[in-house]
PDB file of N, CA and C in Angstrom:
ATOM      1  N   UNK A   1      15.319  -8.194   5.623  1.00  0.00           N
ATOM      2  CA  UNK A   1      14.275  -9.167   5.825  1.00  0.00           C
ATOM      3  C   UNK A   1      13.784  -9.647   4.460  1.00  0.00           C
ATOM      4  N   UNK A   2      13.773 -10.934   4.304  1.00  0.00           N
ATOM      5  CA  UNK A   2      13.342 -11.532   3.044  1.00  0.00           C
ATOM      6  C   UNK A   2      11.880 -11.952   3.176  1.00  0.00           C
ATOM      7  N   UNK A   3      11.058 -11.519   2.238  1.00  0.00           N
ATOM      8  CA  UNK A   3       9.634 -11.831   2.266  1.00  0.00           C
ATOM      9  C   UNK A   3       9.301 -12.884   1.228  1.00  0.00           C
ATOM     10  N   UNK A   4       8.332 -13.704   1.560  1.00  0.00           N
ATOM     11  CA  UNK A   4       7.814 -14.623   0.558  1.00  0.00           C
ATOM     12  C   UNK A   4       6.935 -13.820  -0.400  1.00  0.00           C
ATOM     13  N   UNK A   5       6.598 -14.421  -1.494  1.00  0.00           N
ATOM     14  CA  UNK A   5       5.740 -13.782  -2.484  1.00  0.00           C
ATOM     15  C   UNK A   5       4.395 -13.391  -1.848  1.00  0.00           C
ATOM     16  N   UNK A   6       3.845 -14.282  -1.050  1.00  0.00           N
ATOM     17  CA  UNK A   6       2.556 -14.027  -0.399  1.00  0.00           C
ATOM     18  C   UNK A   6       2.662 -12.896   0.629  1.00  0.00           C
ATOM     19  N   UNK A   7       3.746 -12.866   1.401  1.00  0.00           N
ATOM     20  CA  UNK A   7       3.938 -11.796   2.379  1.00  0.00           C
ATOM     21  C   UNK A   7       4.087 -10.437   1.686  1.00  0.00           C
ATOM     22  N   UNK A   8       4.820 -10.425   0.578  1.00  0.00           N
ATOM     23  CA  UNK A   8       4.979  -9.187  -0.179  1.00  0.00           C
ATOM     24  C   UNK A   8       3.627  -8.715  -0.703  1.00  0.00           C
ATOM     25  N   UNK A   9       2.858  -9.634  -1.242  1.00  0.00           N
ATOM     26  CA  UNK A   9       1.535  -9.289  -1.775  1.00  0.00           C
ATOM     27  C   UNK A   9       0.629  -8.769  -0.669  1.00  0.00           C
ATOM     28  N   UNK A  10       0.646  -9.400   0.502  1.00  0.00           N
ATOM     29  CA  UNK A  10      -0.172  -8.945   1.621  1.00  0.00           C
ATOM     30  C   UNK A  10       0.230  -7.553   2.081  1.00  0.00           C
ATOM     31  N   UNK A  11       1.532  -7.297   2.163  1.00  0.00           N
ATOM     32  CA  UNK A  11       2.010  -5.979   2.582  1.00  0.00           C
ATOM     33  C   UNK A  11       1.635  -4.906   1.572  1.00  0.00           C
ATOM     34  N   UNK A  12       1.786  -5.210   0.297  1.00  0.00           N
ATOM     35  CA  UNK A  12       1.431  -4.245  -0.745  1.00  0.00           C
ATOM     36  C   UNK A  12      -0.080  -3.992  -0.743  1.00  0.00           C
ATOM     37  N   UNK A  13      -0.859  -5.025  -0.559  1.00  0.00           N
ATOM     38  CA  UNK A  13      -2.320  -4.875  -0.466  1.00  0.00           C
ATOM     39  C   UNK A  13      -2.684  -3.994   0.722  1.00  0.00           C
ATOM     40  N   UNK A  14      -2.057  -4.240   1.856  1.00  0.00           N
ATOM     41  CA  UNK A  14      -2.302  -3.441   3.055  1.00  0.00           C
ATOM     42  C   UNK A  14      -1.978  -1.978   2.813  1.00  0.00           C
ATOM     43  N   UNK A  15      -0.868  -1.722   2.167  1.00  0.00           N
ATOM     44  CA  UNK A  15      -0.460  -0.350   1.878  1.00  0.00           C
ATOM     45  C   UNK A  15      -1.449   0.335   0.945  1.00  0.00           C
ATOM     46  N   UNK A  16      -1.837  -0.342  -0.121  1.00  0.00           N
ATOM     47  CA  UNK A  16      -2.777   0.262  -1.074  1.00  0.00           C
ATOM     48  C   UNK A  16      -4.140   0.514  -0.433  1.00  0.00           C
ATOM     49  N   UNK A  17      -4.573  -0.392   0.437  1.00  0.00           N
ATOM     50  CA  UNK A  17      -5.837  -0.155   1.157  1.00  0.00           C
ATOM     51  C   UNK A  17      -5.738   1.090   2.025  1.00  0.00           C
ATOM     52  N   UNK A  18      -4.605   1.208   2.710  1.00  0.00           N
ATOM     53  CA  UNK A  18      -4.409   2.368   3.572  1.00  0.00           C
ATOM     54  C   UNK A  18      -4.395   3.663   2.745  1.00  0.00           C
ATOM     55  N   UNK A  19      -3.706   3.653   1.615  1.00  0.00           N
ATOM     56  CA  UNK A  19      -3.679   4.839   0.755  1.00  0.00           C
ATOM     57  C   UNK A  19      -5.075   5.173   0.225  1.00  0.00           C
ATOM     58  N   UNK A  20      -5.837   4.155  -0.119  1.00  0.00           N
ATOM     59  CA  UNK A  20      -7.209   4.387  -0.601  1.00  0.00           C
ATOM     60  C   UNK A  20      -8.065   5.010   0.507  1.00  0.00           C
ATOM     61  N   UNK A  21      -7.907   4.534   1.729  1.00  0.00           N
ATOM     62  CA  UNK A  21      -8.654   5.108   2.849  1.00  0.00           C
ATOM     63  C   UNK A  21      -8.234   6.546   3.102  1.00  0.00           C
ATOM     64  N   UNK A  22      -6.926   6.797   3.039  1.00  0.00           N
ATOM     65  CA  UNK A  22      -6.437   8.159   3.252  1.00  0.00           C
ATOM     66  C   UNK A  22      -6.953   9.109   2.175  1.00  0.00           C
ATOM     67  N   UNK A  23      -7.100   8.615   0.969  1.00  0.00           N
ATOM     68  CA  UNK A  23      -7.573   9.484  -0.116  1.00  0.00           C
ATOM     69  C   UNK A  23      -9.047   9.849   0.041  1.00  0.00           C
ATOM     70  N   UNK A  24      -9.774   9.088   0.857  1.00  0.00           N
ATOM     71  CA  UNK A  24     -11.183   9.388   1.107  1.00  0.00           C
ATOM     72  C   UNK A  24     -11.387  10.355   2.274  1.00  0.00           C
ATOM     73  N   UNK A  25     -10.424  10.440   3.178  1.00  0.00           N
ATOM     74  CA  UNK A  25     -10.562  11.253   4.384  1.00  0.00           C
ATOM     75  C   UNK A  25     -10.287  12.719   4.056  1.00  0.00           C
ATOM     76  N   UNK A  26     -11.331  13.509   4.030  1.00  0.00           N
ATOM     77  CA  UNK A  26     -11.212  14.910   3.636  1.00  0.00           C
ATOM     78  C   UNK A  26     -10.414  15.754   4.628  1.00  0.00           C
ATOM     79  N   UNK A  27     -10.190  15.241   5.824  1.00  0.00           N
ATOM     80  CA  UNK A  27      -9.428  15.987   6.823  1.00  0.00           C
ATOM     81  C   UNK A  27      -7.916  15.845   6.643  1.00  0.00           C
ATOM     82  N   UNK A  28      -7.497  14.932   5.816  1.00  0.00           N
ATOM     83  CA  UNK A  28      -6.071  14.688   5.617  1.00  0.00           C
ATOM     84  C   UNK A  28      -5.526  15.470   4.425  1.00  0.00           C
ATOM     85  N   UNK A  29      -4.290  15.889   4.541  1.00  0.00           N
ATOM     86  CA  UNK A  29      -3.621  16.547   3.414  1.00  0.00           C
ATOM     87  C   UNK A  29      -3.508  15.594   2.224  1.00  0.00           C
ATOM     88  N   UNK A  30      -3.379  14.305   2.516  1.00  0.00           N
ATOM     89  CA  UNK A  30      -3.260  13.324   1.444  1.00  0.00           C
ATOM     90  C   UNK A  30      -4.462  13.413   0.510  1.00  0.00           C
ATOM     91  N   UNK A  31      -5.653  13.593   1.082  1.00  0.00           N
ATOM     92  CA  UNK A  31      -6.870  13.707   0.269  1.00  0.00           C
ATOM     93  C   UNK A  31      -6.760  14.904  -0.682  1.00  0.00           C
ATOM     94  N   UNK A  32      -6.310  16.006  -0.164  1.00  0.00           N
ATOM     95  CA  UNK A  32      -6.191  17.211  -0.979  1.00  0.00           C
ATOM     96  C   UNK A  32      -5.084  17.078  -2.015  1.00  0.00           C
ATOM     97  N   UNK A  33      -3.942  16.573  -1.582  1.00  0.00           N
ATOM     98  CA  UNK A  33      -2.778  16.521  -2.460  1.00  0.00           C
ATOM     99  C   UNK A  33      -2.850  15.410  -3.505  1.00  0.00           C
ATOM    100  N   UNK A  34      -3.504  14.292  -3.162  1.00  0.00           N
ATOM    101  CA  UNK A  34      -3.472  13.125  -4.049  1.00  0.00           C
ATOM    102  C   UNK A  34      -4.854  12.591  -4.418  1.00  0.00           C
ATOM    103  N   UNK A  35      -5.865  13.407  -4.293  1.00  0.00           N
ATOM    104  CA  UNK A  35      -7.217  12.934  -4.612  1.00  0.00           C
ATOM    105  C   UNK A  35      -7.306  12.457  -6.055  1.00  0.00           C
ATOM    106  N   UNK A  36      -6.523  13.043  -6.946  1.00  0.00           N
ATOM    107  CA  UNK A  36      -6.510  12.631  -8.348  1.00  0.00           C
ATOM    108  C   UNK A  36      -5.968  11.210  -8.520  1.00  0.00           C
ATOM    109  N   UNK A  37      -5.225  10.704  -7.538  1.00  0.00           N
ATOM    110  CA  UNK A  37      -4.619   9.370  -7.630  1.00  0.00           C
ATOM    111  C   UNK A  37      -5.526   8.277  -7.089  1.00  0.00           C
ATOM    112  N   UNK A  38      -6.639   8.645  -6.456  1.00  0.00           N
ATOM    113  CA  UNK A  38      -7.502   7.657  -5.815  1.00  0.00           C
ATOM    114  C   UNK A  38      -7.965   6.580  -6.785  1.00  0.00           C
ATOM    115  N   UNK A  39      -8.409   6.961  -7.951  1.00  0.00           N
ATOM    116  CA  UNK A  39      -8.910   5.996  -8.932  1.00  0.00           C
ATOM    117  C   UNK A  39      -7.812   4.997  -9.317  1.00  0.00           C
ATOM    118  N   UNK A  40      -6.600   5.478  -9.507  1.00  0.00           N
ATOM    119  CA  UNK A  40      -5.486   4.590  -9.857  1.00  0.00           C
ATOM    120  C   UNK A  40      -5.148   3.657  -8.693  1.00  0.00           C
ATOM    121  N   UNK A  41      -5.205   4.162  -7.471  1.00  0.00           N
ATOM    122  CA  UNK A  41      -4.916   3.339  -6.294  1.00  0.00           C
ATOM    123  C   UNK A  41      -5.954   2.232  -6.158  1.00  0.00           C
ATOM    124  N   UNK A  42      -7.217   2.579  -6.292  1.00  0.00           N
ATOM    125  CA  UNK A  42      -8.297   1.586  -6.173  1.00  0.00           C
ATOM    126  C   UNK A  42      -8.207   0.558  -7.296  1.00  0.00           C
ATOM    127  N   UNK A  43      -7.902   1.003  -8.507  1.00  0.00           N
ATOM    128  CA  UNK A  43      -7.752   0.073  -9.636  1.00  0.00           C
ATOM    129  C   UNK A  43      -6.581  -0.874  -9.407  1.00  0.00           C
ATOM    130  N   UNK A  44      -5.464  -0.347  -8.916  1.00  0.00           N
ATOM    131  CA  UNK A  44      -4.293  -1.186  -8.632  1.00  0.00           C
ATOM    132  C   UNK A  44      -4.612  -2.184  -7.526  1.00  0.00           C
ATOM    133  N   UNK A  45      -5.327  -1.753  -6.525  1.00  0.00           N
ATOM    134  CA  UNK A  45      -5.715  -2.643  -5.427  1.00  0.00           C
ATOM    135  C   UNK A  45      -6.590  -3.777  -5.940  1.00  0.00           C
ATOM    136  N   UNK A  46      -7.569  -3.463  -6.765  1.00  0.00           N
ATOM    137  CA  UNK A  46      -8.428  -4.493  -7.342  1.00  0.00           C
ATOM    138  C   UNK A  46      -7.650  -5.465  -8.203  1.00  0.00           C
ATOM    139  N   UNK A  47      -6.729  -4.944  -9.005  1.00  0.00           N
ATOM    140  CA  UNK A  47      -5.905  -5.794  -9.856  1.00  0.00           C
ATOM    141  C   UNK A  47      -5.037  -6.721  -9.010  1.00  0.00           C
ATOM    142  N   UNK A  48      -4.458  -6.183  -7.944  1.00  0.00           N
ATOM    143  CA  UNK A  48      -3.600  -6.975  -7.066  1.00  0.00           C
ATOM    144  C   UNK A  48      -4.397  -8.061  -6.360  1.00  0.00           C
ATOM    145  N   UNK A  49      -5.576  -7.734  -5.880  1.00  0.00           N
ATOM    146  CA  UNK A  49      -6.407  -8.721  -5.185  1.00  0.00           C
ATOM    147  C   UNK A  49      -6.874  -9.817  -6.131  1.00  0.00           C
ATOM    148  N   UNK A  50      -7.084  -9.497  -7.404  1.00  0.00           N
ATOM    149  CA  UNK A  50      -7.522 -10.495  -8.384  1.00  0.00           C
ATOM    150  C   UNK A  50      -6.388 -11.372  -8.885  1.00  0.00           C
ATOM    151  N   UNK A  51      -5.164 -10.909  -8.740  1.00  0.00           N
ATOM    152  CA  UNK A  51      -4.010 -11.669  -9.225  1.00  0.00           C
ATOM    153  C   UNK A  51      -3.814 -12.923  -8.370  1.00  0.00           C
ATOM    154  N   UNK A  52      -3.654 -14.059  -9.031  1.00  0.00           N
ATOM    155  CA  UNK A  52      -3.444 -15.306  -8.304  1.00  0.00           C
ATOM    156  C   UNK A  52      -2.098 -15.326  -7.608  1.00  0.00           C
ATOM    157  N   UNK A  53      -1.085 -14.808  -8.278  1.00  0.00           N
ATOM    158  CA  UNK A  53       0.246 -14.750  -7.679  1.00  0.00           C
ATOM    159  C   UNK A  53       0.908 -13.448  -8.089  1.00  0.00           C
ATOM    160  N   UNK A  54       1.938 -13.107  -7.379  1.00  0.00           N
ATOM    161  CA  UNK A  54       2.634 -11.863  -7.641  1.00  0.00           C
ATOM    162  C   UNK A  54       3.821 -12.150  -8.552  1.00  0.00           C
ATOM    163  N   UNK A  55       3.632 -11.887  -9.810  1.00  0.00           N
ATOM    164  CA  UNK A  55       4.671 -12.140 -10.803  1.00  0.00           C
ATOM    165  C   UNK A  55       5.290 -10.815 -11.241  1.00  0.00           C
ATOM    166  N   UNK A  56       6.330 -10.926 -12.029  1.00  0.00           N
ATOM    167  CA  UNK A  56       6.976  -9.741 -12.591  1.00  0.00           C
ATOM    168  C   UNK A  56       5.967  -8.940 -13.419  1.00  0.00           C
ATOM    169  N   UNK A  57       5.162  -9.637 -14.195  1.00  0.00           N
ATOM    170  CA  UNK A  57       4.168  -8.969 -15.043  1.00  0.00           C
ATOM    171  C   UNK A  57       3.138  -8.225 -14.197  1.00  0.00           C
ATOM    172  N   UNK A  58       2.686  -8.848 -13.103  1.00  0.00           N
ATOM    173  CA  UNK A  58       1.717  -8.202 -12.214  1.00  0.00           C
ATOM    174  C   UNK A  58       2.329  -6.935 -11.619  1.00  0.00           C
ATOM    175  N   UNK A  59       3.568  -7.031 -11.152  1.00  0.00           N
ATOM    176  CA  UNK A  59       4.241  -5.857 -10.586  1.00  0.00           C
ATOM    177  C   UNK A  59       4.414  -4.756 -11.624  1.00  0.00           C
ATOM    178  N   UNK A  60       4.706  -5.125 -12.854  1.00  0.00           N
ATOM    179  CA  UNK A  60       4.863  -4.153 -13.928  1.00  0.00           C
ATOM    180  C   UNK A  60       3.542  -3.427 -14.201  1.00  0.00           C
ATOM    181  N   UNK A  61       2.444  -4.175 -14.241  1.00  0.00           N
ATOM    182  CA  UNK A  61       1.128  -3.565 -14.463  1.00  0.00           C
ATOM    183  C   UNK A  61       0.754  -2.657 -13.292  1.00  0.00           C
ATOM    184  N   UNK A  62       1.025  -3.107 -12.061  1.00  0.00           N
ATOM    185  CA  UNK A  62       0.732  -2.277 -10.890  1.00  0.00           C
ATOM    186  C   UNK A  62       1.507  -0.962 -10.949  1.00  0.00           C
ATOM    187  N   UNK A  63       2.788  -1.056 -11.243  1.00  0.00           N
ATOM    188  CA  UNK A  63       3.607   0.156 -11.328  1.00  0.00           C
ATOM    189  C   UNK A  63       3.078   1.087 -12.416  1.00  0.00           C
ATOM    190  N   UNK A  64       2.687   0.531 -13.531  1.00  0.00           N
ATOM    191  CA  UNK A  64       2.146   1.335 -14.629  1.00  0.00           C
ATOM    192  C   UNK A  64       0.820   1.978 -14.231  1.00  0.00           C
ATOM    193  N   UNK A  65      -0.059   1.198 -13.590  1.00  0.00           N
ATOM    194  CA  UNK A  65      -1.362   1.730 -13.166  1.00  0.00           C
ATOM    195  C   UNK A  65      -1.202   2.870 -12.157  1.00  0.00           C
ATOM    196  N   UNK A  66      -0.190   2.760 -11.313  1.00  0.00           N
ATOM    197  CA  UNK A  66       0.053   3.799 -10.316  1.00  0.00           C
ATOM    198  C   UNK A  66       0.898   4.945 -10.870  1.00  0.00           C
ATOM    199  N   UNK A  67       1.210   4.853 -12.156  1.00  0.00           N
ATOM    200  CA  UNK A  67       1.979   5.871 -12.883  1.00  0.00           C
ATOM    201  C   UNK A  67       3.400   6.025 -12.348  1.00  0.00           C
ATOM    202  N   UNK A  68       3.961   4.912 -11.883  1.00  0.00           N
ATOM    203  CA  UNK A  68       5.374   4.887 -11.515  1.00  0.00           C
ATOM    204  C   UNK A  68       6.167   4.640 -12.788  1.00  0.00           C
ATOM    205  N   UNK A  69       7.307   5.223 -12.894  1.00  0.00           N
ATOM    206  CA  UNK A  69       8.134   5.036 -14.090  1.00  0.00           C
ATOM    207  C   UNK A  69       8.861   3.704 -14.063  1.00  0.00           C
ATOM    208  N   UNK A  70       9.000   3.161 -12.865  1.00  0.00           N
ATOM    209  CA  UNK A  70       9.655   1.859 -12.725  1.00  0.00           C
ATOM    210  C   UNK A  70       8.998   1.104 -11.583  1.00  0.00           C
ATOM    211  N   UNK A  71       9.419  -0.103 -11.367  1.00  0.00           N
ATOM    212  CA  UNK A  71       8.799  -0.973 -10.367  1.00  0.00           C
ATOM    213  C   UNK A  71       9.311  -0.699  -8.948  1.00  0.00           C
ATOM    214  N   UNK A  72      10.451  -0.076  -8.826  1.00  0.00           N
ATOM    215  CA  UNK A  72      11.090   0.123  -7.527  1.00  0.00           C
ATOM    216  C   UNK A  72      10.183   0.754  -6.467  1.00  0.00           C
ATOM    217  N   UNK A  73       9.350   1.750  -6.783  1.00  0.00           N
ATOM    218  CA  UNK A  73       8.479   2.329  -5.748  1.00  0.00           C
ATOM    219  C   UNK A  73       7.551   1.304  -5.075  1.00  0.00           C
ATOM    220  N   UNK A  74       7.202   0.229  -5.781  1.00  0.00           N
ATOM    221  CA  UNK A  74       6.395  -0.815  -5.140  1.00  0.00           C
ATOM    222  C   UNK A  74       7.156  -1.429  -3.966  1.00  0.00           C
ATOM    223  N   UNK A  75       8.440  -1.651  -4.164  1.00  0.00           N
ATOM    224  CA  UNK A  75       9.261  -2.211  -3.094  1.00  0.00           C
ATOM    225  C   UNK A  75       9.417  -1.226  -1.940  1.00  0.00           C
ATOM    226  N   UNK A  76       9.519   0.055  -2.275  1.00  0.00           N
ATOM    227  CA  UNK A  76       9.593   1.074  -1.235  1.00  0.00           C
ATOM    228  C   UNK A  76       8.295   1.124  -0.421  1.00  0.00           C
ATOM    229  N   UNK A  77       7.152   1.013  -1.094  1.00  0.00           N
ATOM    230  CA  UNK A  77       5.876   1.005  -0.387  1.00  0.00           C
ATOM    231  C   UNK A  77       5.807  -0.153   0.605  1.00  0.00           C
ATOM    232  N   UNK A  78       6.231  -1.328   0.170  1.00  0.00           N
ATOM    233  CA  UNK A  78       6.205  -2.498   1.055  1.00  0.00           C
ATOM    234  C   UNK A  78       7.176  -2.306   2.208  1.00  0.00           C
ATOM    235  N   UNK A  79       8.365  -1.807   1.914  1.00  0.00           N
ATOM    236  CA  UNK A  79       9.358  -1.578   2.966  1.00  0.00           C
ATOM    237  C   UNK A  79       8.828  -0.605   4.011  1.00  0.00           C
ATOM    238  N   UNK A  80       8.241   0.490   3.561  1.00  0.00           N
ATOM    239  CA  UNK A  80       7.696   1.488   4.489  1.00  0.00           C
ATOM    240  C   UNK A  80       6.513   0.925   5.267  1.00  0.00           C
ATOM    241  N   UNK A  81       5.669   0.144   4.621  1.00  0.00           N
ATOM    242  CA  UNK A  81       4.522  -0.455   5.300  1.00  0.00           C
ATOM    243  C   UNK A  81       4.990  -1.383   6.416  1.00  0.00           C
ATOM    244  N   UNK A  82       5.968  -2.217   6.128  1.00  0.00           N
ATOM    245  CA  UNK A  82       6.487  -3.135   7.141  1.00  0.00           C
ATOM    246  C   UNK A  82       7.104  -2.354   8.292  1.00  0.00           C
ATOM    247  N   UNK A  83       7.865  -1.309   7.968  1.00  0.00           N
ATOM    248  CA  UNK A  83       8.489  -0.493   9.006  1.00  0.00           C
ATOM    249  C   UNK A  83       7.428   0.153   9.897  1.00  0.00           C
ATOM    250  N   UNK A  84       6.397   0.704   9.299  1.00  0.00           N
ATOM    251  CA  UNK A  84       5.329   1.340  10.076  1.00  0.00           C
ATOM    252  C   UNK A  84       4.626   0.316  10.951  1.00  0.00           C
ATOM    253  N   UNK A  85       4.303  -0.837  10.382  1.00  0.00           N
ATOM    254  CA  UNK A  85       3.612  -1.867  11.155  1.00  0.00           C
ATOM    255  C   UNK A  85       4.459  -2.348  12.323  1.00  0.00           C
ATOM    256  N   UNK A  86       5.766  -2.501  12.114  1.00  0.00           N
ATOM    257  CA  UNK A  86       6.641  -2.976  13.182  1.00  0.00           C
ATOM    258  C   UNK A  86       6.910  -1.905  14.231  1.00  0.00           C
ATOM    259  N   UNK A  87       7.066  -0.659  13.808  1.00  0.00           N
ATOM    260  CA  UNK A  87       7.483   0.395  14.716  1.00  0.00           C
ATOM    261  C   UNK A  87       6.338   1.102  15.433  1.00  0.00           C
ATOM    262  N   UNK A  88       5.266   1.378  14.712  1.00  0.00           N
ATOM    263  CA  UNK A  88       4.248   2.248  15.265  1.00  0.00           C
ATOM    264  C   UNK A  88       2.973   1.549  15.706  1.00  0.00           C
ATOM    265  N   UNK A  89       2.547   0.536  15.003  1.00  0.00           N
ATOM    266  CA  UNK A  89       1.279  -0.084  15.364  1.00  0.00           C
ATOM    267  C   UNK A  89       1.300  -0.740  16.745  1.00  0.00           C
ATOM    268  N   UNK A  90       2.362  -1.430  17.137  1.00  0.00           N
ATOM    269  CA  UNK A  90       2.362  -1.970  18.500  1.00  0.00           C
ATOM    270  C   UNK A  90       2.245  -0.879  19.559  1.00  0.00           C
ATOM    271  N   UNK A  91       2.916   0.260  19.341  1.00  0.00           N
ATOM    272  CA  UNK A  91       2.824   1.364  20.286  1.00  0.00           C
ATOM    273  C   UNK A  91       1.420   1.947  20.318  1.00  0.00           C
ATOM    274  N   UNK A  92       0.797   2.058  19.165  1.00  0.00           N
ATOM    275  CA  UNK A  92      -0.568   2.577  19.126  1.00  0.00           C
ATOM    276  C   UNK A  92      -1.523   1.658  19.870  1.00  0.00           C
ATOM    277  N   UNK A  93      -1.342   0.353  19.751  1.00  0.00           N
ATOM    278  CA  UNK A  93      -2.181  -0.594  20.474  1.00  0.00           C
ATOM    279  C   UNK A  93      -2.017  -0.431  21.977  1.00  0.00           C
ATOM    280  N   UNK A  94      -0.799  -0.147  22.436  1.00  0.00           N
ATOM    281  CA  UNK A  94      -0.561   0.079  23.857  1.00  0.00           C
ATOM    282  C   UNK A  94      -1.314   1.304  24.321  1.00  0.00           C
ATOM    283  N   UNK A  95      -1.257   2.373  23.524  1.00  0.00           N
ATOM    284  CA  UNK A  95      -1.950   3.601  23.895  1.00  0.00           C
ATOM    285  C   UNK A  95      -3.464   3.426  23.912  1.00  0.00           C
ATOM    286  N   UNK A  96      -3.981   2.618  23.000  1.00  0.00           N
ATOM    287  CA  UNK A  96      -5.431   2.375  22.979  1.00  0.00           C
ATOM    288  C   UNK A  96      -5.867   1.647  24.242  1.00  0.00           C
ATOM    289  N   UNK A  97      -5.068   0.677  24.687  1.00  0.00           N
ATOM    290  CA  UNK A  97      -5.414  -0.077  25.891  1.00  0.00           C
ATOM    291  C   UNK A  97      -5.301   0.791  27.128  1.00  0.00           C
ATOM    292  N   UNK A  98      -4.388   1.758  27.137  1.00  0.00           N
ATOM    293  CA  UNK A  98      -4.174   2.581  28.317  1.00  0.00           C
ATOM    294  C   UNK A  98      -5.285   3.616  28.478  1.00  0.00           C
ATOM    295  N   UNK A  99      -5.932   3.997  27.396  1.00  0.00           N
ATOM    296  CA  UNK A  99      -6.955   5.052  27.507  1.00  0.00           C
ATOM    297  C   UNK A  99      -8.314   4.517  27.811  1.00  0.00           C
TER     298      UNK A  99
END
Protein backbone atom coordinates (compact mmCIF):
# COMPACT_ATOMS: atom_id res chain seq x y z
CA UNK A 1 0.00 0.00 0.00
CA UNK A 2 1.41 3.33 -1.06
CA UNK A 3 0.73 6.26 1.26
CA UNK A 4 0.75 9.92 0.49
CA UNK A 5 2.99 12.16 2.55
CA UNK A 6 -0.04 13.39 4.52
CA UNK A 7 -1.33 9.85 5.18
CA UNK A 8 2.10 8.78 6.40
CA UNK A 9 2.30 11.80 8.70
CA UNK A 10 -1.20 11.11 10.08
CA UNK A 11 -0.38 7.46 10.74
CA UNK A 12 2.91 8.32 12.44
CA UNK A 13 1.17 10.99 14.54
CA UNK A 14 -1.50 8.47 15.53
CA UNK A 15 1.13 5.95 16.55
CA UNK A 16 3.14 8.43 18.61
CA UNK A 17 -0.03 9.62 20.37
CA UNK A 18 -0.89 6.05 21.21
CA UNK A 19 2.62 5.38 22.55
CA UNK A 20 2.46 8.55 24.64
CA UNK A 21 -0.87 7.45 26.12
CA UNK A 22 0.48 3.98 26.83
CA UNK A 23 3.48 5.46 28.61
CA UNK A 24 1.12 7.28 30.99
CA UNK A 25 -0.99 4.22 31.89
CA UNK A 26 0.58 2.76 35.02
CA UNK A 27 -1.30 -0.52 34.55
CA UNK A 28 0.53 -1.33 31.32
CA UNK A 29 3.90 -3.02 31.03
CA UNK A 30 4.78 -0.38 28.45
CA UNK A 31 4.69 2.26 31.21
CA UNK A 32 7.11 0.27 33.32
CA UNK A 33 9.39 -0.82 30.50
CA UNK A 34 9.51 2.43 28.51
CA UNK A 35 8.66 5.21 30.94
CA UNK A 36 12.12 6.68 30.28
CA UNK A 37 11.13 7.11 26.60
CA UNK A 38 7.99 9.17 27.29
CA UNK A 39 9.75 12.53 27.08
CA UNK A 40 11.32 11.61 23.72
CA UNK A 41 7.97 10.36 22.38
CA UNK A 42 6.16 13.54 23.40
CA UNK A 43 8.95 15.72 21.97
CA UNK A 44 8.86 13.79 18.67
CA UNK A 45 5.08 14.11 18.54
CA UNK A 46 5.27 17.87 19.07
CA UNK A 47 7.97 18.20 16.42
CA UNK A 48 5.92 16.15 13.95
CA UNK A 49 2.75 18.15 14.57
CA UNK A 50 4.65 21.43 14.08
CA UNK A 51 6.24 20.27 10.83
CA UNK A 52 4.50 21.69 7.78
CA UNK A 53 5.39 18.69 5.65
CA UNK A 54 7.08 15.38 6.13
CA UNK A 55 10.50 15.70 4.57
CA UNK A 56 13.62 13.58 4.77
CA UNK A 57 15.06 16.06 7.28
CA UNK A 58 11.94 15.86 9.48
CA UNK A 59 12.10 12.05 9.46
CA UNK A 60 15.80 12.16 10.31
CA UNK A 61 15.17 14.45 13.30
CA UNK A 62 12.26 12.27 14.47
CA UNK A 63 14.40 9.14 14.29
CA UNK A 64 17.18 10.89 16.19
CA UNK A 65 14.79 12.23 18.85
CA UNK A 66 13.40 8.74 19.37
CA UNK A 67 16.98 7.43 19.59
CA UNK A 68 16.63 5.21 16.54
CA UNK A 69 19.91 4.53 14.79
CA UNK A 70 18.25 4.86 11.42
CA UNK A 71 14.99 6.04 9.91
CA UNK A 72 13.60 2.58 9.11
CA UNK A 73 11.81 2.09 12.49
CA UNK A 74 9.58 5.07 11.61
CA UNK A 75 8.32 3.13 8.61
CA UNK A 76 7.80 0.05 10.76
CA UNK A 77 5.75 2.09 13.24
CA UNK A 78 3.50 3.34 10.44
CA UNK A 79 3.18 -0.13 8.93
CA UNK A 80 2.21 -1.63 12.29
CA UNK A 81 -0.21 1.22 13.03
CA UNK A 82 -1.99 0.73 9.71
CA UNK A 83 -2.14 -3.03 10.25
CA UNK A 84 -3.61 -2.61 13.74
CA UNK A 85 -6.15 -0.05 12.55
CA UNK A 86 -7.24 -2.26 9.65
CA UNK A 87 -7.27 -5.57 11.52
CA UNK A 88 -8.30 -4.87 15.08
CA UNK A 89 -10.13 -1.58 15.40
CA UNK A 90 -13.12 -2.59 13.25
CA UNK A 91 -13.51 -5.74 15.35
CA UNK A 92 -13.28 -3.76 18.56
CA UNK A 93 -16.01 -1.42 17.33
CA UNK A 94 -18.24 -4.44 16.68
CA UNK A 95 -17.67 -5.70 20.20
CA UNK A 96 -18.44 -2.29 21.69
CA UNK A 97 -21.77 -2.16 19.86
CA UNK A 98 -22.67 -5.70 20.92
CA UNK A 99 -22.15 -5.04 24.64
